[in-house]
Amino acid sequence: MRSIAITSGKGGVGKTFIAINLGCALAEAGKRVVLFDADLQLANLDVALGIESEYSLQHVVSGEKTLTEVLTSGPMGMRIVTGGSGITSLMHAGPQRLAKFMSQLDDLAETTDFLLFDTAAGLDNRVFAFLKRADEVLVVLTPEPTSVTDAYATIKVLFRRKHDAVVRALVNRASSEKVAKATYRALKSTVQNFLDQDLLYAGCVSRDEAIERATLMRAVAYTQYPEAEFVQQLQRAARELIVPANPQVLYESA
């Protein structure tokens, strides 16, 4: 099982969209995917998916259910852990309860290929609990200068706290692949020059009105518009993730 924390430096960049739809692409590629709502502020993955779950993380924190018992079915065969107030409760739990929960994540390993954490945006210490726990971190940003600046701030703090972190950047809402790659290269150069670290390229997703329509309908864009360009881009991003990451290798695919 590979755990990937999907995060962003600021809100409103489409992080949850990427988490859901990249999960769909991984599932379509034959991977067993668990999508975990780790957003401390909103915890609205169930709303975005248009699903209702009888049990949530709250039941795990209270000890009523195990983590595997609260999994609910999602699109493309994904399994979902909804958050709700359970996220806040978990982050305020004592060390013993938190350690018990983290051990339950390992219980998913036998039936899971990819565990995706959809985290909150920003530099909250509780967000970094998931970033440090994950095998890799996928930072979602847009070409907007403020988004790039905030993404760098998150990456900088992450490398300070976890020097051997494997970090990828995915550029969302790009007007073209050329713009996305230019955005990535600029951020990569800053990371290399000021942090002496590498930043891998996870791909890009183009701006598309179909995504906004699907969001308003509480539908999954990946399944709603299977022929769209952004679906092909997400499939490429999924293939890039399926190849085991090696932090010693400098990816020049961008």
C-alpha atoms as a PDB file:
ATOM      1  CA  MET A   1       0.000   0.000   0.000  1.00  0.00           C
ATOM      2  CA  ARG A   2       1.262   3.442  -0.930  1.00  0.00           C
ATOM      3  CA  SER A   3      -0.175   6.372   0.977  1.00  0.00           C
ATOM      4  CA  ILE A   4      -0.351   9.741  -0.757  1.00  0.00           C
ATOM      5  CA  ALA A   5      -1.393  12.961   0.959  1.00  0.00           C
ATOM      6  CA  ILE A   6      -3.048  15.357  -1.467  1.00  0.00           C
ATOM      7  CA  THR A   7      -2.711  18.922  -0.230  1.00  0.00           C
ATOM      8  CA  SER A   8      -2.367  22.537  -1.339  1.00  0.00           C
ATOM      9  CA  GLY A   9      -0.894  25.773  -0.103  1.00  0.00           C
ATOM     10  CA  LYS A  10      -4.222  27.588  -0.337  1.00  0.00           C
ATOM     11  CA  GLY A  11      -7.869  26.676  -0.666  1.00  0.00           C
ATOM     12  CA  GLY A  12      -9.876  26.886  -3.856  1.00  0.00           C
ATOM     13  CA  VAL A  13      -7.359  25.252  -6.199  1.00  0.00           C
ATOM     14  CA  GLY A  14      -9.387  22.075  -6.798  1.00  0.00           C
ATOM     15  CA  LYS A  15      -7.598  19.800  -4.347  1.00  0.00           C
ATOM     16  CA  THR A  16     -10.643  17.645  -3.521  1.00  0.00           C
ATOM     17  CA  PHE A  17     -11.527  17.415  -7.219  1.00  0.00           C
ATOM     18  CA  ILE A  18      -8.041  16.064  -7.889  1.00  0.00           C
ATOM     19  CA  ALA A  19      -8.263  13.623  -4.967  1.00  0.00           C
ATOM     20  CA  ILE A  20     -11.579  12.179  -6.156  1.00  0.00           C
ATOM     21  CA  ASN A  21     -10.871  12.037  -9.853  1.00  0.00           C
ATOM     22  CA  LEU A  22      -7.264  10.878  -9.586  1.00  0.00           C
ATOM     23  CA  GLY A  23      -8.597   8.124  -7.340  1.00  0.00           C
ATOM     24  CA  CYS A  24     -11.027   7.198 -10.124  1.00  0.00           C
ATOM     25  CA  ALA A  25      -8.165   7.022 -12.623  1.00  0.00           C
ATOM     26  CA  LEU A  26      -6.150   4.769 -10.323  1.00  0.00           C
ATOM     27  CA  ALA A  27      -9.180   2.534  -9.760  1.00  0.00           C
ATOM     28  CA  GLU A  28      -9.842   2.313 -13.493  1.00  0.00           C
ATOM     29  CA  ALA A  29      -6.231   1.200 -13.914  1.00  0.00           C
ATOM     30  CA  GLY A  30      -7.029  -1.778 -11.683  1.00  0.00           C
ATOM     31  CA  LYS A  31      -5.729  -0.418  -8.391  1.00  0.00           C
ATOM     32  CA  ARG A  32      -7.563  -0.829  -5.094  1.00  0.00           C
ATOM     33  CA  VAL A  33      -8.093   2.696  -3.797  1.00  0.00           C
ATOM     34  CA  VAL A  34      -9.183   4.073  -0.413  1.00  0.00           C
ATOM     35  CA  LEU A  35      -9.984   7.791  -0.352  1.00  0.00           C
ATOM     36  CA  PHE A  36      -9.741   9.259   3.144  1.00  0.00           C
ATOM     37  CA  ASP A  37     -11.359  12.594   4.025  1.00  0.00           C
ATOM     38  CA  ALA A  38      -8.625  14.262   6.090  1.00  0.00           C
ATOM     39  CA  ASP A  39      -9.813  17.844   5.649  1.00  0.00           C
ATOM     40  CA  LEU A  40      -9.815  19.316   9.147  1.00  0.00           C
ATOM     41  CA  GLN A  41     -11.788  22.386   8.139  1.00  0.00           C
ATOM     42  CA  LEU A  42     -14.529  21.197   5.796  1.00  0.00           C
ATOM     43  CA  ALA A  43     -14.585  17.377   5.729  1.00  0.00           C
ATOM     44  CA  ASN A  44     -17.085  17.435   2.879  1.00  0.00           C
ATOM     45  CA  LEU A  45     -15.875  14.591   0.687  1.00  0.00           C
ATOM     46  CA  ASP A  46     -19.265  12.871   0.990  1.00  0.00           C
ATOM     47  CA  VAL A  47     -20.968  16.037  -0.273  1.00  0.00           C
ATOM     48  CA  ALA A  48     -18.609  16.322  -3.237  1.00  0.00           C
ATOM     49  CA  LEU A  49     -19.239  12.666  -4.086  1.00  0.00           C
ATOM     50  CA  GLY A  50     -22.973  12.897  -3.577  1.00  0.00           C
ATOM     51  CA  ILE A  51     -22.989   9.910  -1.218  1.00  0.00           C
ATOM     52  CA  GLU A  52     -24.320   9.202   2.246  1.00  0.00           C
ATOM     53  CA  SER A  53     -22.388   7.044   4.668  1.00  0.00           C
ATOM     54  CA  GLU A  54     -23.920   5.379   7.698  1.00  0.00           C
ATOM     55  CA  TYR A  55     -20.600   5.475   9.511  1.00  0.00           C
ATOM     56  CA  SER A  56     -17.735   7.968   9.501  1.00  0.00           C
ATOM     57  CA  LEU A  57     -14.408   8.589  11.142  1.00  0.00           C
ATOM     58  CA  GLN A  58     -16.312   9.776  14.209  1.00  0.00           C
ATOM     59  CA  HIS A  59     -17.310   6.158  14.926  1.00  0.00           C
ATOM     60  CA  VAL A  60     -13.663   5.096  14.706  1.00  0.00           C
ATOM     61  CA  VAL A  61     -12.481   7.801  17.093  1.00  0.00           C
ATOM     62  CA  SER A  62     -15.203   6.887  19.597  1.00  0.00           C
ATOM     63  CA  GLY A  63     -14.209   3.230  19.422  1.00  0.00           C
ATOM     64  CA  GLU A  64     -17.592   2.086  18.094  1.00  0.00           C
ATOM     65  CA  LYS A  65     -16.178   0.861  14.777  1.00  0.00           C
ATOM     66  CA  THR A  66     -12.823  -0.040  13.266  1.00  0.00           C
ATOM     67  CA  LEU A  67     -11.479   1.832  10.275  1.00  0.00           C
ATOM     68  CA  THR A  68     -12.256  -1.041   7.923  1.00  0.00           C
ATOM     69  CA  GLU A  69     -15.827  -1.157   9.212  1.00  0.00           C
ATOM     70  CA  VAL A  70     -16.588   2.455   8.249  1.00  0.00           C
ATOM     71  CA  LEU A  71     -15.468   2.121   4.631  1.00  0.00           C
ATOM     72  CA  THR A  72     -18.259   2.961   2.208  1.00  0.00           C
ATOM     73  CA  SER A  73     -18.518   2.367  -1.536  1.00  0.00           C
ATOM     74  CA  GLY A  74     -17.546   5.135  -3.924  1.00  0.00           C
ATOM     75  CA  PRO A  75     -17.261   5.606  -7.702  1.00  0.00           C
ATOM     76  CA  MET A  76     -15.186   3.223  -9.825  1.00  0.00           C
ATOM     77  CA  GLY A  77     -15.019   0.749  -6.940  1.00  0.00           C
ATOM     78  CA  MET A  78     -13.145   3.115  -4.623  1.00  0.00           C
ATOM     79  CA  ARG A  79     -13.747   2.841  -0.895  1.00  0.00           C
ATOM     80  CA  ILE A  80     -14.310   6.023   1.077  1.00  0.00           C
ATOM     81  CA  VAL A  81     -13.670   7.086   4.684  1.00  0.00           C
ATOM     82  CA  THR A  82     -15.873  10.095   5.389  1.00  0.00           C
ATOM     83  CA  GLY A  83     -14.650  12.574   7.972  1.00  0.00           C
ATOM     84  CA  GLY A  84     -17.267  14.847   9.474  1.00  0.00           C
ATOM     85  CA  SER A  85     -16.618  15.866  13.062  1.00  0.00           C
ATOM     86  CA  GLY A  86     -14.411  12.809  13.438  1.00  0.00           C
ATOM     87  CA  ILE A  87     -11.450  14.674  12.001  1.00  0.00           C
ATOM     88  CA  THR A  88     -11.554  17.337  14.700  1.00  0.00           C
ATOM     89  CA  SER A  89     -12.040  14.690  17.383  1.00  0.00           C
ATOM     90  CA  LEU A  90      -9.126  12.678  16.043  1.00  0.00           C
ATOM     91  CA  MET A  91      -6.742  15.603  16.032  1.00  0.00           C
ATOM     92  CA  HIS A  92      -7.636  16.423  19.637  1.00  0.00           C
ATOM     93  CA  ALA A  93      -7.273  12.811  20.741  1.00  0.00           C
ATOM     94  CA  GLY A  94      -4.458  11.820  23.057  1.00  0.00           C
ATOM     95  CA  PRO A  95      -1.247  10.156  21.849  1.00  0.00           C
ATOM     96  CA  GLN A  96      -2.459   6.630  22.657  1.00  0.00           C
ATOM     97  CA  ARG A  97      -5.708   6.972  20.749  1.00  0.00           C
ATOM     98  CA  LEU A  98      -3.933   8.645  17.845  1.00  0.00           C
ATOM     99  CA  ALA A  99      -1.359   5.841  17.737  1.00  0.00           C
ATOM    100  CA  LYS A 100      -4.157   3.266  17.763  1.00  0.00           C
ATOM    101  CA  PHE A 101      -5.800   4.990  14.829  1.00  0.00           C
ATOM    102  CA  MET A 102      -2.550   5.138  12.853  1.00  0.00           C
ATOM    103  CA  SER A 103      -2.086   1.406  13.402  1.00  0.00           C
ATOM    104  CA  GLN A 104      -5.520   0.853  11.874  1.00  0.00           C
ATOM    105  CA  LEU A 105      -4.298   2.529   8.698  1.00  0.00           C
ATOM    106  CA  ASP A 106      -1.820  -0.317   8.384  1.00  0.00           C
ATOM    107  CA  ASP A 107      -4.725  -2.773   8.605  1.00  0.00           C
ATOM    108  CA  LEU A 108      -5.850  -1.531   5.190  1.00  0.00           C
ATOM    109  CA  ALA A 109      -2.621  -2.649   3.543  1.00  0.00           C
ATOM    110  CA  GLU A 110      -3.732  -6.153   2.589  1.00  0.00           C
ATOM    111  CA  THR A 111      -6.726  -4.888   0.604  1.00  0.00           C
ATOM    112  CA  THR A 112      -5.437  -1.509  -0.619  1.00  0.00           C
ATOM    113  CA  ASP A 113      -2.939  -0.426  -3.251  1.00  0.00           C
ATOM    114  CA  PHE A 114      -3.334   3.351  -2.829  1.00  0.00           C
ATOM    115  CA  LEU A 115      -4.480   5.217   0.271  1.00  0.00           C
ATOM    116  CA  LEU A 116      -5.242   8.826  -0.657  1.00  0.00           C
ATOM    117  CA  PHE A 117      -5.548  11.450   2.086  1.00  0.00           C
ATOM    118  CA  ASP A 118      -7.570  14.486   1.010  1.00  0.00           C
ATOM    119  CA  THR A 119      -6.139  16.976   3.506  1.00  0.00           C
ATOM    120  CA  ALA A 120      -6.983  20.552   4.337  1.00  0.00           C
ATOM    121  CA  ALA A 121      -5.036  23.364   2.698  1.00  0.00           C
ATOM    122  CA  GLY A 122      -2.435  25.411   4.521  1.00  0.00           C
ATOM    123  CA  LEU A 123       0.190  24.974   7.198  1.00  0.00           C
ATOM    124  CA  ASP A 124      -1.852  23.700  10.146  1.00  0.00           C
ATOM    125  CA  ASN A 125       0.156  21.318  12.354  1.00  0.00           C
ATOM    126  CA  ARG A 126      -2.683  18.814  12.143  1.00  0.00           C
ATOM    127  CA  VAL A 127      -2.425  18.814   8.354  1.00  0.00           C
ATOM    128  CA  PHE A 128       1.241  17.930   8.667  1.00  0.00           C
ATOM    129  CA  ALA A 129       0.350  14.900  10.776  1.00  0.00           C
ATOM    130  CA  PHE A 130      -1.028  13.380   7.571  1.00  0.00           C
ATOM    131  CA  LEU A 131       1.711  14.768   5.325  1.00  0.00           C
ATOM    132  CA  LYS A 132       4.392  13.203   7.516  1.00  0.00           C
ATOM    133  CA  ARG A 133       2.484   9.915   7.744  1.00  0.00           C
ATOM    134  CA  ALA A 134       2.143   9.580   3.954  1.00  0.00           C
ATOM    135  CA  ASP A 135       4.720   7.912   1.731  1.00  0.00           C
ATOM    136  CA  GLU A 136       4.391  10.760  -0.754  1.00  0.00           C
ATOM    137  CA  VAL A 137       2.815  14.209  -0.898  1.00  0.00           C
ATOM    138  CA  LEU A 138       1.002  15.551  -3.937  1.00  0.00           C
ATOM    139  CA  VAL A 139       0.789  19.351  -3.891  1.00  0.00           C
ATOM    140  CA  VAL A 140      -2.003  20.778  -6.039  1.00  0.00           C
ATOM    141  CA  LEU A 141      -1.561  24.320  -7.356  1.00  0.00           C
ATOM    142  CA  THR A 142      -2.747  26.556 -10.168  1.00  0.00           C
ATOM    143  CA  PRO A 143      -0.650  28.848 -12.388  1.00  0.00           C
ATOM    144  CA  GLU A 144      -1.741  31.881 -10.347  1.00  0.00           C
ATOM    145  CA  PRO A 145       1.279  33.517  -8.630  1.00  0.00           C
ATOM    146  CA  THR A 146      -0.379  33.412  -5.181  1.00  0.00           C
ATOM    147  CA  SER A 147      -1.032  29.694  -5.549  1.00  0.00           C
ATOM    148  CA  VAL A 148       2.582  29.039  -6.548  1.00  0.00           C
ATOM    149  CA  THR A 149       3.849  31.106  -3.594  1.00  0.00           C
ATOM    150  CA  ASP A 150       1.600  29.270  -1.131  1.00  0.00           C
ATOM    151  CA  ALA A 151       2.561  25.900  -2.601  1.00  0.00           C
ATOM    152  CA  TYR A 152       6.228  26.739  -2.070  1.00  0.00           C
ATOM    153  CA  ALA A 153       5.550  27.740   1.540  1.00  0.00           C
ATOM    154  CA  THR A 154       3.914  24.362   2.188  1.00  0.00           C
ATOM    155  CA  ILE A 155       6.733  22.475   0.481  1.00  0.00           C
ATOM    156  CA  LYS A 156       9.353  24.398   2.458  1.00  0.00           C
ATOM    157  CA  VAL A 157       7.789  23.540   5.813  1.00  0.00           C
ATOM    158  CA  LEU A 158       7.272  19.934   4.753  1.00  0.00           C
ATOM    159  CA  PHE A 159      10.944  19.430   3.858  1.00  0.00           C
ATOM    160  CA  ARG A 160      12.001  21.045   7.135  1.00  0.00           C
ATOM    161  CA  ARG A 161       9.881  18.549   9.062  1.00  0.00           C
ATOM    162  CA  LYS A 162      10.517  15.553   6.813  1.00  0.00           C
ATOM    163  CA  HIS A 163      13.794  15.941   4.972  1.00  0.00           C
ATOM    164  CA  ASP A 164      13.370  12.754   2.923  1.00  0.00           C
ATOM    165  CA  ALA A 165       9.821  13.550   1.768  1.00  0.00           C
ATOM    166  CA  VAL A 166       8.833  12.600  -1.774  1.00  0.00           C
ATOM    167  CA  VAL A 167       6.899  15.581  -3.136  1.00  0.00           C
ATOM    168  CA  ARG A 168       5.078  15.887  -6.448  1.00  0.00           C
ATOM    169  CA  ALA A 169       3.382  18.918  -7.971  1.00  0.00           C
ATOM    170  CA  LEU A 170       0.195  18.777 -10.045  1.00  0.00           C
ATOM    171  CA  VAL A 171      -0.867  21.945 -11.851  1.00  0.00           C
ATOM    172  CA  ASN A 172      -4.645  22.274 -11.995  1.00  0.00           C
ATOM    173  CA  ARG A 173      -6.795  24.653 -14.071  1.00  0.00           C
ATOM    174  CA  ALA A 174      -4.024  25.267 -16.578  1.00  0.00           C
ATOM    175  CA  SER A 175      -4.887  27.040 -19.828  1.00  0.00           C
ATOM    176  CA  SER A 176      -2.442  24.737 -21.623  1.00  0.00           C
ATOM    177  CA  GLU A 177       0.101  22.043 -20.879  1.00  0.00           C
ATOM    178  CA  LYS A 178       2.825  24.529 -21.817  1.00  0.00           C
ATOM    179  CA  VAL A 179       1.646  26.893 -19.068  1.00  0.00           C
ATOM    180  CA  ALA A 180       1.436  24.018 -16.581  1.00  0.00           C
ATOM    181  CA  LYS A 181       4.979  22.862 -17.288  1.00  0.00           C
ATOM    182  CA  ALA A 182       6.308  26.414 -17.052  1.00  0.00           C
ATOM    183  CA  THR A 183       4.589  26.767 -13.671  1.00  0.00           C
ATOM    184  CA  TYR A 184       6.090  23.498 -12.482  1.00  0.00           C
ATOM    185  CA  ARG A 185       9.587  24.354 -13.698  1.00  0.00           C
ATOM    186  CA  ALA A 186       9.511  27.715 -11.918  1.00  0.00           C
ATOM    187  CA  LEU A 187       8.453  26.085  -8.651  1.00  0.00           C
ATOM    188  CA  LYS A 188      10.939  23.240  -9.078  1.00  0.00           C
ATOM    189  CA  SER A 189      13.762  25.728  -9.652  1.00  0.00           C
ATOM    190  CA  THR A 190      12.861  27.609  -6.461  1.00  0.00           C
ATOM    191  CA  VAL A 191      12.728  24.379  -4.462  1.00  0.00           C
ATOM    192  CA  GLN A 192      16.108  23.280  -5.783  1.00  0.00           C
ATOM    193  CA  ASN A 193      17.806  26.657  -5.328  1.00  0.00           C
ATOM    194  CA  PHE A 194      16.541  27.534  -1.861  1.00  0.00           C
ATOM    195  CA  LEU A 195      15.815  24.138  -0.285  1.00  0.00           C
ATOM    196  CA  ASP A 196      18.319  21.925  -2.131  1.00  0.00           C
ATOM    197  CA  GLN A 197      15.511  19.426  -2.698  1.00  0.00           C
ATOM    198  CA  ASP A 198      13.823  17.941  -5.740  1.00  0.00           C
ATOM    199  CA  LEU A 199      10.221  18.337  -6.832  1.00  0.00           C
ATOM    200  CA  LEU A 200       8.663  15.709  -9.082  1.00  0.00           C
ATOM    201  CA  TYR A 201       6.113  16.404 -11.797  1.00  0.00           C
ATOM    202  CA  ALA A 202       2.723  14.741 -11.345  1.00  0.00           C
ATOM    203  CA  GLY A 203       1.096  16.232 -14.425  1.00  0.00           C
ATOM    204  CA  CYS A 204      -1.536  18.833 -15.189  1.00  0.00           C
ATOM    205  CA  VAL A 205      -5.298  19.176 -15.566  1.00  0.00           C
ATOM    206  CA  SER A 206      -6.747  21.722 -17.973  1.00  0.00           C
ATOM    207  CA  ARG A 207      -9.462  24.181 -17.085  1.00  0.00           C
ATOM    208  CA  ASP A 208     -12.795  22.808 -18.311  1.00  0.00           C
ATOM    209  CA  GLU A 209     -16.347  24.054 -17.845  1.00  0.00           C
ATOM    210  CA  ALA A 210     -17.485  20.422 -17.655  1.00  0.00           C
ATOM    211  CA  ILE A 211     -15.702  20.130 -14.313  1.00  0.00           C
ATOM    212  CA  GLU A 212     -17.677  23.035 -12.913  1.00  0.00           C
ATOM    213  CA  ARG A 213     -20.941  21.546 -14.215  1.00  0.00           C
ATOM    214  CA  ALA A 214     -20.188  18.223 -12.581  1.00  0.00           C
ATOM    215  CA  THR A 215     -19.313  19.939  -9.292  1.00  0.00           C
ATOM    216  CA  LEU A 216     -22.617  21.792  -9.248  1.00  0.00           C
ATOM    217  CA  MET A 217     -24.458  18.518  -9.893  1.00  0.00           C
ATOM    218  CA  ARG A 218     -22.503  16.769  -7.117  1.00  0.00           C
ATOM    219  CA  ALA A 219     -21.377  14.339  -9.795  1.00  0.00           C
ATOM    220  CA  VAL A 220     -17.939  12.858 -10.388  1.00  0.00           C
ATOM    221  CA  ALA A 221     -16.488  14.589 -13.438  1.00  0.00           C
ATOM    222  CA  TYR A 222     -14.321  11.589 -14.341  1.00  0.00           C
ATOM    223  CA  THR A 223     -17.314   9.311 -14.835  1.00  0.00           C
ATOM    224  CA  GLN A 224     -19.651  12.046 -16.112  1.00  0.00           C
ATOM    225  CA  TYR A 225     -17.386  13.117 -18.991  1.00  0.00           C
ATOM    226  CA  PRO A 226     -15.188  10.090 -19.831  1.00  0.00           C
ATOM    227  CA  GLU A 227     -14.071  11.497 -23.209  1.00  0.00           C
ATOM    228  CA  ALA A 228     -12.898  14.857 -21.852  1.00  0.00           C
ATOM    229  CA  GLU A 229      -9.269  15.948 -22.082  1.00  0.00           C
ATOM    230  CA  PHE A 230      -8.950  16.262 -18.304  1.00  0.00           C
ATOM    231  CA  VAL A 231      -9.798  12.550 -17.954  1.00  0.00           C
ATOM    232  CA  GLN A 232      -6.882  11.642 -20.224  1.00  0.00           C
ATOM    233  CA  GLN A 233      -4.633  13.956 -18.222  1.00  0.00           C
ATOM    234  CA  LEU A 234      -5.688  12.300 -14.970  1.00  0.00           C
ATOM    235  CA  GLN A 235      -5.029   8.889 -16.489  1.00  0.00           C
ATOM    236  CA  ARG A 236      -1.499  10.001 -17.340  1.00  0.00           C
ATOM    237  CA  ALA A 237      -1.051  11.311 -13.791  1.00  0.00           C
ATOM    238  CA  ALA A 238      -2.257   7.971 -12.435  1.00  0.00           C
ATOM    239  CA  ARG A 239       0.217   6.058 -14.590  1.00  0.00           C
ATOM    240  CA  GLU A 240       2.996   8.289 -13.278  1.00  0.00           C
ATOM    241  CA  LEU A 241       2.001   7.406  -9.714  1.00  0.00           C
ATOM    242  CA  ILE A 242       1.710   3.683 -10.399  1.00  0.00           C
ATOM    243  CA  VAL A 243       5.415   3.600 -11.273  1.00  0.00           C
ATOM    244  CA  PRO A 244       7.075   3.334  -7.813  1.00  0.00           C
ATOM    245  CA  ALA A 245       8.622   6.640  -6.826  1.00  0.00           C
ATOM    246  CA  ASN A 246      12.364   6.761  -6.310  1.00  0.00           C
ATOM    247  CA  PRO A 247      13.505  10.003  -4.659  1.00  0.00           C
ATOM    248  CA  GLN A 248      17.024   9.413  -5.958  1.00  0.00           C
ATOM    249  CA  VAL A 249      15.862   9.693  -9.570  1.00  0.00           C
ATOM    250  CA  LEU A 250      15.488  13.123 -11.132  1.00  0.00           C
ATOM    251  CA  TYR A 251      12.328  13.041 -13.191  1.00  0.00           C
ATOM    252  CA  GLU A 252      12.633  15.199 -16.281  1.00  0.00           C
ATOM    253  CA  SER A 253       9.313  14.193 -17.843  1.00  0.00           C
ATOM    254  CA  ALA A 254       8.206  17.799 -17.677  1.00  0.00           C
END
